Amino acid sequence: MRKKYLDEESLFAHIWQHCDEDGLWDGDTTTLAAAFKVPEGEAEDLLGKLCDRGLIQRVGNATYIITRWPERDEPNEQELQWWEFTRLSK
């Protein structure tokens, strides 16, 4: 089985692309380990780093929310995309 490259940006992109319209992602380390073909411990470490940086927050056993999710009804705010990862960290 070939391992995909997994870093914080790849992980955040995956969560961003697989969350619902409110920024909620129903997933956990098992989901990420399967998607990236990596050990669960590696996925858990990176999820922890994203939480520590304030990009995501755990809201249940297997649910995370993107903390700086762009609101669709804020006309003055420029809509963010997942690749603006570094801008979200500020």
C-alpha atoms as a PDB file:
ATOM      1  CA  MET A   1       0.000   0.000   0.000  1.00  0.00           C
ATOM      2  CA  ARG A   2       1.422   3.354  -1.045  1.00  0.00           C
ATOM      3  CA  LYS A   3       1.493   6.077   1.617  1.00  0.00           C
ATOM      4  CA  LYS A   4       0.275   9.576   0.710  1.00  0.00           C
ATOM      5  CA  TYR A   5       2.184  12.608   1.961  1.00  0.00           C
ATOM      6  CA  LEU A   6       0.492  14.071   5.022  1.00  0.00           C
ATOM      7  CA  ASP A   7       1.293  17.441   6.534  1.00  0.00           C
ATOM      8  CA  GLU A   8      -0.791  20.080   8.311  1.00  0.00           C
ATOM      9  CA  GLU A   9      -1.757  21.817   5.073  1.00  0.00           C
ATOM     10  CA  SER A  10      -2.845  18.581   3.357  1.00  0.00           C
ATOM     11  CA  LEU A  11      -4.853  17.585   6.404  1.00  0.00           C
ATOM     12  CA  PHE A  12      -6.530  20.984   6.655  1.00  0.00           C
ATOM     13  CA  ALA A  13      -7.334  20.910   2.928  1.00  0.00           C
ATOM     14  CA  HIS A  14      -8.942  17.483   3.326  1.00  0.00           C
ATOM     15  CA  ILE A  15     -11.086  18.666   6.233  1.00  0.00           C
ATOM     16  CA  TRP A  16     -12.041  21.872   4.392  1.00  0.00           C
ATOM     17  CA  GLN A  17     -13.069  19.976   1.283  1.00  0.00           C
ATOM     18  CA  HIS A  18     -15.064  17.349   3.191  1.00  0.00           C
ATOM     19  CA  CYS A  19     -16.931  19.525   5.689  1.00  0.00           C
ATOM     20  CA  ASP A  20     -20.527  20.670   5.414  1.00  0.00           C
ATOM     21  CA  GLU A  21     -21.725  24.186   4.588  1.00  0.00           C
ATOM     22  CA  ASP A  22     -21.294  25.245   8.226  1.00  0.00           C
ATOM     23  CA  GLY A  23     -17.674  24.110   8.495  1.00  0.00           C
ATOM     24  CA  LEU A  24     -18.435  20.900  10.435  1.00  0.00           C
ATOM     25  CA  TRP A  25     -16.424  17.809   9.539  1.00  0.00           C
ATOM     26  CA  ASP A  26     -17.601  14.399  10.708  1.00  0.00           C
ATOM     27  CA  GLY A  27     -14.358  12.510  10.877  1.00  0.00           C
ATOM     28  CA  ASP A  28     -11.595  11.359  13.163  1.00  0.00           C
ATOM     29  CA  THR A  29      -8.118   9.871  13.115  1.00  0.00           C
ATOM     30  CA  THR A  30      -9.433   6.621  11.638  1.00  0.00           C
ATOM     31  CA  THR A  31     -11.004   8.512   8.732  1.00  0.00           C
ATOM     32  CA  LEU A  32      -7.783  10.427   8.065  1.00  0.00           C
ATOM     33  CA  ALA A  33      -5.546   7.387   8.447  1.00  0.00           C
ATOM     34  CA  ALA A  34      -7.616   5.566   5.824  1.00  0.00           C
ATOM     35  CA  ALA A  35      -7.735   8.553   3.457  1.00  0.00           C
ATOM     36  CA  PHE A  36      -3.970   9.172   3.609  1.00  0.00           C
ATOM     37  CA  LYS A  37      -2.866   5.586   4.293  1.00  0.00           C
ATOM     38  CA  VAL A  38      -0.891   6.605   7.383  1.00  0.00           C
ATOM     39  CA  PRO A  39      -0.884   5.358  10.995  1.00  0.00           C
ATOM     40  CA  GLU A  40      -3.639   6.764  13.220  1.00  0.00           C
ATOM     41  CA  GLY A  41      -1.016   8.200  15.567  1.00  0.00           C
ATOM     42  CA  GLU A  42       0.382  10.410  12.813  1.00  0.00           C
ATOM     43  CA  ALA A  43      -3.112  11.656  11.914  1.00  0.00           C
ATOM     44  CA  GLU A  44      -3.871  12.297  15.593  1.00  0.00           C
ATOM     45  CA  ASP A  45      -0.672  14.339  16.031  1.00  0.00           C
ATOM     46  CA  LEU A  46      -1.523  16.553  13.074  1.00  0.00           C
ATOM     47  CA  LEU A  47      -5.144  17.024  14.210  1.00  0.00           C
ATOM     48  CA  GLY A  48      -3.757  18.135  17.567  1.00  0.00           C
ATOM     49  CA  LYS A  49      -1.450  20.637  15.882  1.00  0.00           C
ATOM     50  CA  LEU A  50      -4.346  22.125  13.904  1.00  0.00           C
ATOM     51  CA  CYS A  51      -6.353  22.413  17.132  1.00  0.00           C
ATOM     52  CA  ASP A  52      -3.385  24.043  18.914  1.00  0.00           C
ATOM     53  CA  ARG A  53      -3.079  26.588  16.087  1.00  0.00           C
ATOM     54  CA  GLY A  54      -6.768  27.441  16.430  1.00  0.00           C
ATOM     55  CA  LEU A  55      -7.719  26.336  12.918  1.00  0.00           C
ATOM     56  CA  ILE A  56     -10.100  23.582  14.010  1.00  0.00           C
ATOM     57  CA  GLN A  57     -11.840  22.653  17.234  1.00  0.00           C
ATOM     58  CA  ARG A  58     -13.135  19.307  18.403  1.00  0.00           C
ATOM     59  CA  VAL A  59     -16.880  19.418  19.131  1.00  0.00           C
ATOM     60  CA  GLY A  60     -17.656  15.741  19.693  1.00  0.00           C
ATOM     61  CA  ASN A  61     -16.182  12.259  19.555  1.00  0.00           C
ATOM     62  CA  ALA A  62     -15.738  12.364  15.789  1.00  0.00           C
ATOM     63  CA  THR A  63     -16.645  15.905  14.777  1.00  0.00           C
ATOM     64  CA  TYR A  64     -14.472  18.954  14.234  1.00  0.00           C
ATOM     65  CA  ILE A  65     -15.354  22.491  13.195  1.00  0.00           C
ATOM     66  CA  ILE A  66     -13.248  24.904  11.210  1.00  0.00           C
ATOM     67  CA  THR A  67     -12.998  27.837  13.601  1.00  0.00           C
ATOM     68  CA  ARG A  68     -12.526  30.552  10.984  1.00  0.00           C
ATOM     69  CA  TRP A  69     -15.115  29.354   8.511  1.00  0.00           C
ATOM     70  CA  PRO A  70     -16.169  32.153   6.120  1.00  0.00           C
ATOM     71  CA  GLU A  71     -19.763  33.234   6.655  1.00  0.00           C
ATOM     72  CA  ARG A  72     -21.670  33.394   3.387  1.00  0.00           C
ATOM     73  CA  ASP A  73     -23.733  36.387   4.511  1.00  0.00           C
ATOM     74  CA  GLU A  74     -20.852  38.761   5.290  1.00  0.00           C
ATOM     75  CA  PRO A  75     -20.550  40.904   2.131  1.00  0.00           C
ATOM     76  CA  ASN A  76     -17.473  42.821   3.328  1.00  0.00           C
ATOM     77  CA  GLU A  77     -15.470  39.720   4.084  1.00  0.00           C
ATOM     78  CA  GLN A  78     -13.481  38.141   1.280  1.00  0.00           C
ATOM     79  CA  GLU A  79     -14.325  34.457   1.068  1.00  0.00           C
ATOM     80  CA  LEU A  80     -11.395  32.291   2.148  1.00  0.00           C
ATOM     81  CA  GLN A  81     -10.245  29.150   0.424  1.00  0.00           C
ATOM     82  CA  TRP A  82      -8.410  26.228   1.994  1.00  0.00           C
ATOM     83  CA  TRP A  83      -5.131  27.110   0.277  1.00  0.00           C
ATOM     84  CA  GLU A  84      -5.056  30.360   2.265  1.00  0.00           C
ATOM     85  CA  PHE A  85      -3.938  28.166   5.145  1.00  0.00           C
ATOM     86  CA  THR A  86      -1.236  30.536   6.407  1.00  0.00           C
ATOM     87  CA  ARG A  87      -3.605  33.502   6.420  1.00  0.00           C
ATOM     88  CA  LEU A  88      -6.022  31.549   8.618  1.00  0.00           C
ATOM     89  CA  SER A  89      -3.307  30.956  11.206  1.00  0.00           C
ATOM     90  CA  LYS A  90      -2.866  34.659  11.921  1.00  0.00           C
END
